[in-house]
Amino acid sequence: MPRSNIRLIQGDITTQEVDVIVNAANSSLLGGGGVDGAIHRAGGPDILAACERLRETTHPDGLPTGDAVATTAGRLPARWVIHTVGPVYSTNEDRSQLLASCYHEALRVAEELGAQAIAFPAISAGIFRWPLDNAAKIAVDSVEAAGSAMSEVRFVLFNAEAYVAFEQAIKGLAGR
């Protein structure tokens, strides 16, 4: 049975009032399309400035796939943004562990910050072309396996198709 602290919301992740909003970032940390671009636009220049400092100091080559790092949330209704780089889907190579690592690492960083509520997008399920049903299963399984102490884990899904995929993944947990 899945833990009761997992919630699904169809909507805009940039409007979530939580401690942490997770950004499905690109490795440059300097903004991009999809969720990454939306977070940078809504959060304003403070997020980009924090990412630029990371590139100048601890991540000169960018953030590796599956890793996570925190910055300010700028103007977002959150305390922090945790940036994680999901893998691009491949039919020739199983990158599932990298996708699972995004969720594990984001939760680890959030717990180190003392966060209690976190909002995730469907990492890699957009421009990185990960099949939605499988991305949802990996996301839900990873959060469940992490055994996080978060009081609330939200999956904020952009459209009805993603919502249904995550709903099915949660029902799959309940059936195990």
N, C-alpha and C. Protein backbone atom coordinates (compact mmCIF):
# COMPACT_ATOMS: atom_id res chain seq x y z
N MET A 1 0.84 -1.19 0.00
CA MET A 1 0.00 0.00 0.00
C MET A 1 0.88 1.24 0.00
N PRO A 2 0.67 2.17 -0.96
CA PRO A 2 1.50 3.38 -0.99
C PRO A 2 1.27 4.25 0.24
N ARG A 3 2.30 4.99 0.57
CA ARG A 3 2.19 5.89 1.71
C ARG A 3 1.20 7.00 1.40
N SER A 4 0.54 7.49 2.42
CA SER A 4 -0.51 8.49 2.22
C SER A 4 0.05 9.88 1.96
N ASN A 5 1.37 10.06 2.03
CA ASN A 5 1.91 11.40 1.81
C ASN A 5 2.18 11.70 0.34
N ILE A 6 1.87 10.78 -0.58
CA ILE A 6 2.04 11.01 -2.01
C ILE A 6 0.73 11.56 -2.57
N ARG A 7 0.83 12.73 -3.24
CA ARG A 7 -0.34 13.36 -3.85
C ARG A 7 -0.08 13.61 -5.32
N LEU A 8 -1.14 13.57 -6.09
CA LEU A 8 -1.08 13.92 -7.51
C LEU A 8 -1.86 15.19 -7.74
N ILE A 9 -1.29 16.09 -8.52
CA ILE A 9 -1.96 17.35 -8.86
C ILE A 9 -1.74 17.58 -10.35
N GLN A 10 -2.80 17.91 -11.04
CA GLN A 10 -2.65 18.34 -12.43
C GLN A 10 -2.57 19.85 -12.41
N GLY A 11 -1.47 20.39 -12.91
CA GLY A 11 -1.33 21.83 -12.89
C GLY A 11 0.08 22.28 -13.19
N ASP A 12 0.38 23.47 -12.72
CA ASP A 12 1.63 24.17 -13.00
C ASP A 12 2.54 24.06 -11.78
N ILE A 13 3.67 23.42 -11.93
CA ILE A 13 4.58 23.22 -10.80
C ILE A 13 5.09 24.54 -10.23
N THR A 14 5.14 25.58 -11.04
CA THR A 14 5.69 26.85 -10.56
C THR A 14 4.76 27.56 -9.59
N THR A 15 3.53 27.06 -9.41
CA THR A 15 2.59 27.69 -8.49
C THR A 15 2.46 26.93 -7.17
N GLN A 16 3.22 25.87 -7.00
CA GLN A 16 3.07 25.03 -5.81
C GLN A 16 3.71 25.67 -4.58
N GLU A 17 2.93 25.76 -3.52
CA GLU A 17 3.42 26.31 -2.25
C GLU A 17 3.95 25.15 -1.41
N VAL A 18 5.23 24.87 -1.58
CA VAL A 18 5.93 23.77 -0.91
C VAL A 18 7.31 24.27 -0.50
N ASP A 19 8.02 23.48 0.27
CA ASP A 19 9.40 23.84 0.61
C ASP A 19 10.31 23.76 -0.61
N VAL A 20 10.12 22.70 -1.42
CA VAL A 20 11.00 22.43 -2.56
C VAL A 20 10.20 22.17 -3.82
N ILE A 21 10.59 22.84 -4.88
CA ILE A 21 10.11 22.52 -6.22
C ILE A 21 11.29 21.89 -6.94
N VAL A 22 11.06 20.71 -7.52
CA VAL A 22 12.12 20.02 -8.26
C VAL A 22 12.07 20.46 -9.71
N ASN A 23 13.24 20.80 -10.23
CA ASN A 23 13.39 21.23 -11.61
C ASN A 23 13.98 20.09 -12.43
N ALA A 24 13.30 19.72 -13.49
CA ALA A 24 13.85 18.77 -14.46
C ALA A 24 14.78 19.58 -15.36
N ALA A 25 16.01 19.75 -14.87
CA ALA A 25 16.98 20.66 -15.48
C ALA A 25 17.76 20.00 -16.61
N ASN A 26 18.46 20.82 -17.37
CA ASN A 26 19.47 20.26 -18.26
C ASN A 26 20.81 20.40 -17.56
N SER A 27 21.80 19.70 -18.02
CA SER A 27 23.07 19.62 -17.29
C SER A 27 23.79 20.96 -17.17
N SER A 28 23.48 21.91 -18.04
CA SER A 28 24.15 23.21 -17.97
C SER A 28 23.70 24.02 -16.76
N LEU A 29 22.52 23.70 -16.23
CA LEU A 29 21.89 24.43 -15.13
C LEU A 29 21.51 25.87 -15.51
N LEU A 30 21.56 26.20 -16.76
CA LEU A 30 21.36 27.59 -17.17
C LEU A 30 20.01 27.84 -17.85
N GLY A 31 19.04 27.00 -17.55
CA GLY A 31 17.72 27.17 -18.14
C GLY A 31 17.59 26.39 -19.43
N GLY A 32 16.38 26.29 -19.89
CA GLY A 32 16.12 25.53 -21.11
C GLY A 32 14.65 25.58 -21.43
N GLY A 33 14.14 24.48 -21.98
CA GLY A 33 12.74 24.40 -22.33
C GLY A 33 11.96 23.66 -21.28
N GLY A 34 10.70 23.42 -21.55
CA GLY A 34 9.84 22.63 -20.68
C GLY A 34 9.79 23.15 -19.25
N VAL A 35 9.84 22.20 -18.30
CA VAL A 35 9.78 22.54 -16.87
C VAL A 35 10.93 23.48 -16.51
N ASP A 36 12.11 23.19 -17.01
CA ASP A 36 13.30 23.99 -16.69
C ASP A 36 13.08 25.46 -17.06
N GLY A 37 12.64 25.70 -18.27
CA GLY A 37 12.39 27.08 -18.70
C GLY A 37 11.29 27.75 -17.89
N ALA A 38 10.24 27.00 -17.59
CA ALA A 38 9.13 27.57 -16.81
C ALA A 38 9.59 27.97 -15.41
N ILE A 39 10.41 27.13 -14.79
CA ILE A 39 10.91 27.44 -13.45
C ILE A 39 11.82 28.66 -13.47
N HIS A 40 12.70 28.73 -14.44
CA HIS A 40 13.58 29.90 -14.54
C HIS A 40 12.79 31.17 -14.82
N ARG A 41 11.79 31.10 -15.70
CA ARG A 41 10.98 32.29 -16.01
C ARG A 41 10.20 32.75 -14.78
N ALA A 42 9.51 31.81 -14.13
CA ALA A 42 8.66 32.17 -12.99
C ALA A 42 9.49 32.56 -11.76
N GLY A 43 10.63 31.93 -11.58
CA GLY A 43 11.46 32.20 -10.40
C GLY A 43 12.31 33.44 -10.51
N GLY A 44 12.54 33.88 -11.74
CA GLY A 44 13.30 35.10 -11.94
C GLY A 44 14.80 34.90 -11.94
N PRO A 45 15.53 36.02 -12.01
CA PRO A 45 16.98 35.99 -12.22
C PRO A 45 17.79 35.42 -11.05
N ASP A 46 17.23 35.36 -9.85
CA ASP A 46 17.99 34.83 -8.72
C ASP A 46 18.34 33.35 -8.91
N ILE A 47 17.45 32.60 -9.54
CA ILE A 47 17.72 31.18 -9.77
C ILE A 47 18.87 31.03 -10.76
N LEU A 48 18.82 31.78 -11.85
CA LEU A 48 19.90 31.72 -12.83
C LEU A 48 21.22 32.15 -12.21
N ALA A 49 21.21 33.20 -11.41
CA ALA A 49 22.45 33.67 -10.76
C ALA A 49 23.01 32.58 -9.85
N ALA A 50 22.15 31.89 -9.10
CA ALA A 50 22.61 30.80 -8.22
C ALA A 50 23.18 29.64 -9.05
N CYS A 51 22.54 29.35 -10.17
CA CYS A 51 23.04 28.28 -11.05
C CYS A 51 24.38 28.67 -11.67
N GLU A 52 24.52 29.93 -12.03
CA GLU A 52 25.80 30.39 -12.58
C GLU A 52 26.92 30.26 -11.54
N ARG A 53 26.60 30.55 -10.27
CA ARG A 53 27.61 30.38 -9.20
C ARG A 53 28.00 28.91 -9.06
N LEU A 54 27.03 28.01 -9.17
CA LEU A 54 27.34 26.58 -9.11
C LEU A 54 28.27 26.19 -10.25
N ARG A 55 28.03 26.73 -11.43
CA ARG A 55 28.88 26.42 -12.58
C ARG A 55 30.30 26.97 -12.39
N GLU A 56 30.41 28.09 -11.70
CA GLU A 56 31.73 28.69 -11.45
C GLU A 56 32.48 27.98 -10.33
N THR A 57 31.77 27.25 -9.48
CA THR A 57 32.40 26.66 -8.29
C THR A 57 32.34 25.14 -8.32
N THR A 58 31.27 24.56 -7.82
CA THR A 58 31.21 23.11 -7.61
C THR A 58 30.87 22.28 -8.84
N HIS A 59 30.28 22.88 -9.86
CA HIS A 59 29.85 22.13 -11.05
C HIS A 59 30.31 22.80 -12.35
N PRO A 60 31.63 22.98 -12.53
CA PRO A 60 32.11 23.67 -13.73
C PRO A 60 31.76 22.95 -15.03
N ASP A 61 31.56 21.64 -14.96
CA ASP A 61 31.21 20.88 -16.17
C ASP A 61 29.71 20.60 -16.27
N GLY A 62 28.94 21.22 -15.39
CA GLY A 62 27.50 20.99 -15.37
C GLY A 62 27.13 19.92 -14.37
N LEU A 63 25.85 19.69 -14.21
CA LEU A 63 25.35 18.71 -13.26
C LEU A 63 25.19 17.37 -13.97
N PRO A 64 25.82 16.32 -13.43
CA PRO A 64 25.69 15.00 -14.07
C PRO A 64 24.26 14.45 -14.01
N THR A 65 23.91 13.66 -14.97
CA THR A 65 22.61 13.00 -15.00
C THR A 65 22.42 12.17 -13.74
N GLY A 66 21.25 12.31 -13.12
CA GLY A 66 20.92 11.55 -11.92
C GLY A 66 21.30 12.24 -10.63
N ASP A 67 22.09 13.31 -10.69
CA ASP A 67 22.48 14.06 -9.50
C ASP A 67 21.47 15.17 -9.23
N ALA A 68 21.60 15.80 -8.06
CA ALA A 68 20.69 16.89 -7.69
C ALA A 68 21.45 17.93 -6.87
N VAL A 69 21.05 19.18 -7.03
CA VAL A 69 21.65 20.29 -6.30
C VAL A 69 20.58 21.34 -6.04
N ALA A 70 20.70 22.05 -4.92
CA ALA A 70 19.68 23.03 -4.53
C ALA A 70 20.15 24.45 -4.79
N THR A 71 19.19 25.31 -5.10
CA THR A 71 19.41 26.76 -5.18
C THR A 71 18.22 27.45 -4.53
N THR A 72 18.32 28.77 -4.48
CA THR A 72 17.18 29.58 -4.07
C THR A 72 16.01 29.29 -5.00
N ALA A 73 14.81 29.62 -4.55
CA ALA A 73 13.63 29.49 -5.41
C ALA A 73 13.23 30.83 -6.03
N GLY A 74 14.01 31.87 -5.76
CA GLY A 74 13.69 33.16 -6.34
C GLY A 74 12.28 33.59 -5.99
N ARG A 75 11.50 33.93 -7.01
CA ARG A 75 10.12 34.40 -6.81
C ARG A 75 9.09 33.28 -6.73
N LEU A 76 9.52 32.03 -6.80
CA LEU A 76 8.58 30.92 -6.70
C LEU A 76 8.04 30.82 -5.27
N PRO A 77 6.85 30.24 -5.08
CA PRO A 77 6.28 30.11 -3.73
C PRO A 77 6.85 28.89 -2.99
N ALA A 78 8.16 28.78 -3.01
CA ALA A 78 8.88 27.68 -2.37
C ALA A 78 10.13 28.27 -1.74
N ARG A 79 10.80 27.50 -0.91
CA ARG A 79 12.05 27.97 -0.31
C ARG A 79 13.25 27.67 -1.20
N TRP A 80 13.21 26.51 -1.86
CA TRP A 80 14.33 26.08 -2.68
C TRP A 80 13.84 25.45 -3.98
N VAL A 81 14.73 25.46 -4.96
CA VAL A 81 14.57 24.64 -6.17
C VAL A 81 15.69 23.60 -6.11
N ILE A 82 15.32 22.36 -6.29
CA ILE A 82 16.33 21.31 -6.44
C ILE A 82 16.35 20.93 -7.91
N HIS A 83 17.51 21.13 -8.51
CA HIS A 83 17.71 20.84 -9.93
C HIS A 83 18.23 19.41 -10.05
N THR A 84 17.63 18.63 -10.93
CA THR A 84 18.11 17.28 -11.21
C THR A 84 18.04 17.06 -12.71
N VAL A 85 19.00 16.32 -13.21
CA VAL A 85 19.09 16.10 -14.65
C VAL A 85 18.65 14.67 -14.95
N GLY A 86 17.51 14.55 -15.61
CA GLY A 86 17.03 13.23 -16.00
C GLY A 86 17.72 12.75 -17.25
N PRO A 87 17.72 11.44 -17.44
CA PRO A 87 18.32 10.88 -18.65
C PRO A 87 17.41 11.03 -19.86
N VAL A 88 18.02 11.13 -21.01
CA VAL A 88 17.29 11.06 -22.27
C VAL A 88 16.95 9.59 -22.49
N TYR A 89 15.73 9.30 -22.90
CA TYR A 89 15.31 7.93 -23.11
C TYR A 89 16.09 7.30 -24.27
N SER A 90 16.43 6.05 -24.10
CA SER A 90 17.14 5.31 -25.14
C SER A 90 16.54 3.92 -25.29
N THR A 91 16.35 3.48 -26.51
CA THR A 91 15.89 2.11 -26.74
C THR A 91 17.07 1.13 -26.73
N ASN A 92 18.30 1.66 -26.78
CA ASN A 92 19.50 0.82 -26.84
C ASN A 92 20.19 0.61 -25.50
N GLU A 93 19.80 1.39 -24.50
CA GLU A 93 20.48 1.34 -23.20
C GLU A 93 19.46 1.57 -22.09
N ASP A 94 19.51 0.74 -21.05
CA ASP A 94 18.59 0.90 -19.92
C ASP A 94 19.14 1.99 -18.99
N ARG A 95 18.46 3.10 -18.96
CA ARG A 95 18.87 4.24 -18.12
C ARG A 95 17.93 4.43 -16.93
N SER A 96 17.16 3.40 -16.61
CA SER A 96 16.17 3.48 -15.53
C SER A 96 16.79 3.87 -14.20
N GLN A 97 17.99 3.35 -13.90
CA GLN A 97 18.63 3.67 -12.62
C GLN A 97 18.99 5.15 -12.54
N LEU A 98 19.33 5.75 -13.67
CA LEU A 98 19.61 7.19 -13.67
C LEU A 98 18.35 7.99 -13.37
N LEU A 99 17.22 7.55 -13.96
CA LEU A 99 15.97 8.25 -13.70
C LEU A 99 15.57 8.08 -12.23
N ALA A 100 15.68 6.88 -11.70
CA ALA A 100 15.37 6.64 -10.28
C ALA A 100 16.27 7.49 -9.39
N SER A 101 17.53 7.64 -9.78
CA SER A 101 18.48 8.43 -9.00
C SER A 101 18.05 9.89 -8.89
N CYS A 102 17.41 10.42 -9.91
CA CYS A 102 16.92 11.80 -9.85
C CYS A 102 15.99 11.98 -8.65
N TYR A 103 15.09 11.05 -8.46
CA TYR A 103 14.13 11.14 -7.36
C TYR A 103 14.81 10.91 -6.01
N HIS A 104 15.66 9.89 -5.95
CA HIS A 104 16.39 9.60 -4.70
C HIS A 104 17.26 10.78 -4.28
N GLU A 105 18.01 11.32 -5.23
CA GLU A 105 18.94 12.42 -4.92
C GLU A 105 18.18 13.70 -4.55
N ALA A 106 17.08 13.98 -5.25
CA ALA A 106 16.29 15.17 -4.90
C ALA A 106 15.73 15.04 -3.49
N LEU A 107 15.25 13.87 -3.13
CA LEU A 107 14.74 13.66 -1.77
C LEU A 107 15.86 13.77 -0.74
N ARG A 108 17.02 13.24 -1.07
CA ARG A 108 18.16 13.32 -0.14
C ARG A 108 18.53 14.78 0.12
N VAL A 109 18.65 15.56 -0.95
CA VAL A 109 19.01 16.98 -0.80
C VAL A 109 17.92 17.72 -0.02
N ALA A 110 16.66 17.43 -0.33
CA ALA A 110 15.54 18.08 0.37
C ALA A 110 15.59 17.78 1.86
N GLU A 111 15.87 16.54 2.21
CA GLU A 111 15.96 16.18 3.63
C GLU A 111 17.13 16.87 4.30
N GLU A 112 18.25 17.00 3.60
CA GLU A 112 19.40 17.73 4.16
C GLU A 112 19.06 19.18 4.43
N LEU A 113 18.18 19.75 3.61
CA LEU A 113 17.75 21.14 3.79
C LEU A 113 16.72 21.29 4.91
N GLY A 114 16.15 20.18 5.34
CA GLY A 114 15.10 20.23 6.36
C GLY A 114 13.71 20.44 5.79
N ALA A 115 13.55 20.21 4.50
CA ALA A 115 12.25 20.39 3.84
C ALA A 115 11.24 19.34 4.31
N GLN A 116 9.98 19.72 4.28
CA GLN A 116 8.90 18.81 4.65
C GLN A 116 7.96 18.49 3.48
N ALA A 117 7.93 19.37 2.48
CA ALA A 117 7.03 19.17 1.34
C ALA A 117 7.80 19.44 0.05
N ILE A 118 7.62 18.54 -0.92
CA ILE A 118 8.37 18.61 -2.17
C ILE A 118 7.41 18.37 -3.33
N ALA A 119 7.65 19.07 -4.43
CA ALA A 119 6.83 18.91 -5.64
C ALA A 119 7.74 18.49 -6.80
N PHE A 120 7.41 17.35 -7.39
CA PHE A 120 8.17 16.82 -8.53
C PHE A 120 7.37 16.96 -9.82
N PRO A 121 8.06 17.24 -10.94
CA PRO A 121 7.44 17.07 -12.25
C PRO A 121 7.64 15.62 -12.69
N ALA A 122 7.18 15.29 -13.86
CA ALA A 122 7.43 13.97 -14.45
C ALA A 122 8.79 14.05 -15.16
N ILE A 123 9.85 13.79 -14.42
CA ILE A 123 11.21 13.94 -14.93
C ILE A 123 11.45 13.03 -16.14
N SER A 124 12.03 13.60 -17.17
CA SER A 124 12.41 12.94 -18.43
C SER A 124 11.23 12.58 -19.33
N ALA A 125 9.99 12.84 -18.88
CA ALA A 125 8.82 12.43 -19.67
C ALA A 125 8.40 13.47 -20.71
N GLY A 126 9.12 14.57 -20.80
CA GLY A 126 8.81 15.59 -21.80
C GLY A 126 9.78 15.50 -22.97
N ILE A 127 10.62 16.51 -23.09
CA ILE A 127 11.52 16.58 -24.24
C ILE A 127 12.59 15.48 -24.23
N PHE A 128 12.77 14.80 -23.10
CA PHE A 128 13.72 13.69 -23.06
C PHE A 128 13.07 12.37 -23.47
N ARG A 129 11.79 12.42 -23.85
CA ARG A 129 11.06 11.35 -24.54
C ARG A 129 10.91 10.03 -23.77
N TRP A 130 11.00 10.06 -22.44
CA TRP A 130 10.81 8.82 -21.69
C TRP A 130 9.33 8.44 -21.78
N PRO A 131 8.99 7.20 -22.11
CA PRO A 131 7.58 6.80 -22.18
C PRO A 131 6.87 7.09 -20.85
N LEU A 132 5.76 7.75 -20.94
CA LEU A 132 5.07 8.29 -19.77
C LEU A 132 4.72 7.23 -18.73
N ASP A 133 4.16 6.11 -19.16
CA ASP A 133 3.77 5.07 -18.20
C ASP A 133 4.98 4.55 -17.42
N ASN A 134 6.09 4.34 -18.12
CA ASN A 134 7.28 3.84 -17.46
C ASN A 134 7.92 4.91 -16.59
N ALA A 135 7.93 6.16 -17.04
CA ALA A 135 8.47 7.26 -16.23
C ALA A 135 7.67 7.39 -14.93
N ALA A 136 6.35 7.24 -15.02
CA ALA A 136 5.50 7.33 -13.83
C ALA A 136 5.80 6.20 -12.86
N LYS A 137 5.95 4.99 -13.38
CA LYS A 137 6.23 3.84 -12.52
C LYS A 137 7.57 4.02 -11.81
N ILE A 138 8.58 4.44 -12.54
CA ILE A 138 9.90 4.65 -11.93
C ILE A 138 9.82 5.74 -10.87
N ALA A 139 9.11 6.82 -11.17
CA ALA A 139 8.99 7.94 -10.22
C ALA A 139 8.32 7.49 -8.93
N VAL A 140 7.17 6.86 -9.05
CA VAL A 140 6.40 6.43 -7.87
C VAL A 140 7.17 5.37 -7.09
N ASP A 141 7.72 4.38 -7.80
CA ASP A 141 8.51 3.34 -7.12
C ASP A 141 9.72 3.93 -6.40
N SER A 142 10.38 4.89 -7.02
CA SER A 142 11.58 5.50 -6.43
C SER A 142 11.25 6.27 -5.16
N VAL A 143 10.18 7.05 -5.21
CA VAL A 143 9.77 7.81 -4.03
C VAL A 143 9.37 6.85 -2.92
N GLU A 144 8.63 5.82 -3.26
CA GLU A 144 8.20 4.85 -2.26
C GLU A 144 9.40 4.13 -1.64
N ALA A 145 10.35 3.72 -2.49
CA ALA A 145 11.53 2.98 -2.01
C ALA A 145 12.44 3.86 -1.16
N ALA A 146 12.43 5.16 -1.41
CA ALA A 146 13.31 6.06 -0.66
C ALA A 146 12.93 6.13 0.81
N GLY A 147 11.67 5.85 1.13
CA GLY A 147 11.25 5.90 2.52
C GLY A 147 11.46 7.26 3.15
N SER A 148 11.26 8.29 2.38
CA SER A 148 11.51 9.66 2.82
C SER A 148 10.64 10.06 4.01
N ALA A 149 11.17 10.94 4.81
CA ALA A 149 10.44 11.48 5.96
C ALA A 149 9.60 12.71 5.58
N MET A 150 9.54 13.03 4.30
CA MET A 150 8.74 14.19 3.86
C MET A 150 7.29 14.02 4.31
N SER A 151 6.69 15.09 4.76
CA SER A 151 5.28 15.01 5.14
C SER A 151 4.39 14.98 3.90
N GLU A 152 4.91 15.53 2.78
CA GLU A 152 4.14 15.51 1.54
C GLU A 152 5.07 15.44 0.33
N VAL A 153 4.76 14.50 -0.55
CA VAL A 153 5.44 14.40 -1.84
C VAL A 153 4.36 14.57 -2.90
N ARG A 154 4.50 15.63 -3.69
CA ARG A 154 3.53 15.90 -4.77
C ARG A 154 4.18 15.58 -6.11
N PHE A 155 3.40 14.97 -6.96
CA PHE A 155 3.75 14.89 -8.37
C PHE A 155 2.82 15.87 -9.06
N VAL A 156 3.40 16.92 -9.63
CA VAL A 156 2.61 17.96 -10.28
C VAL A 156 2.73 17.73 -11.78
N LEU A 157 1.61 17.35 -12.36
CA LEU A 157 1.59 16.84 -13.73
C LEU A 157 0.89 17.83 -14.64
N PHE A 158 1.52 18.08 -15.76
CA PHE A 158 1.11 19.16 -16.64
C PHE A 158 -0.22 18.90 -17.34
N ASN A 159 -0.52 17.64 -17.64
CA ASN A 159 -1.76 17.37 -18.38
C ASN A 159 -2.45 16.11 -17.86
N ALA A 160 -3.65 15.86 -18.38
CA ALA A 160 -4.46 14.73 -17.92
C ALA A 160 -3.80 13.40 -18.23
N GLU A 161 -3.12 13.29 -19.35
CA GLU A 161 -2.45 12.04 -19.71
C GLU A 161 -1.39 11.67 -18.66
N ALA A 162 -0.60 12.63 -18.25
CA ALA A 162 0.42 12.38 -17.24
C ALA A 162 -0.23 12.05 -15.90
N TYR A 163 -1.29 12.76 -15.56
CA TYR A 163 -1.99 12.49 -14.30
C TYR A 163 -2.46 11.04 -14.26
N VAL A 164 -3.09 10.58 -15.33
CA VAL A 164 -3.60 9.21 -15.39
C VAL A 164 -2.46 8.20 -15.29
N ALA A 165 -1.35 8.47 -15.95
CA ALA A 165 -0.20 7.55 -15.88
C ALA A 165 0.31 7.42 -14.45
N PHE A 166 0.41 8.53 -13.74
CA PHE A 166 0.88 8.50 -12.35
C PHE A 166 -0.18 7.86 -11.43
N GLU A 167 -1.44 8.11 -11.72
CA GLU A 167 -2.50 7.48 -10.95
C GLU A 167 -2.42 5.95 -11.07
N GLN A 168 -2.18 5.48 -12.28
CA GLN A 168 -2.04 4.04 -12.51
C GLN A 168 -0.81 3.48 -11.80
N ALA A 169 0.27 4.24 -11.79
CA ALA A 169 1.50 3.79 -11.10
C ALA A 169 1.25 3.65 -9.60
N ILE A 170 0.49 4.58 -9.04
CA ILE A 170 0.17 4.49 -7.61
C ILE A 170 -0.75 3.30 -7.33
N LYS A 171 -1.71 3.07 -8.21
CA LYS A 171 -2.58 1.91 -8.06
C LYS A 171 -1.76 0.62 -8.17
N GLY A 172 -0.73 0.63 -9.00
CA GLY A 172 0.14 -0.53 -9.12
C GLY A 172 0.88 -0.82 -7.82
N LEU A 173 1.27 0.22 -7.11
CA LEU A 173 1.90 0.02 -5.79
C LEU A 173 0.94 -0.64 -4.82
N ALA A 174 -0.30 -0.18 -4.85
CA ALA A 174 -1.30 -0.71 -3.92
C ALA A 174 -1.58 -2.18 -4.19
N GLY A 175 -1.40 -2.60 -5.46
CA GLY A 175 -1.67 -3.99 -5.81
C GLY A 175 -0.54 -4.95 -5.48
N ARG A 176 0.58 -4.44 -4.99
CA ARG A 176 1.74 -5.32 -4.68
C ARG A 176 1.70 -5.79 -3.27
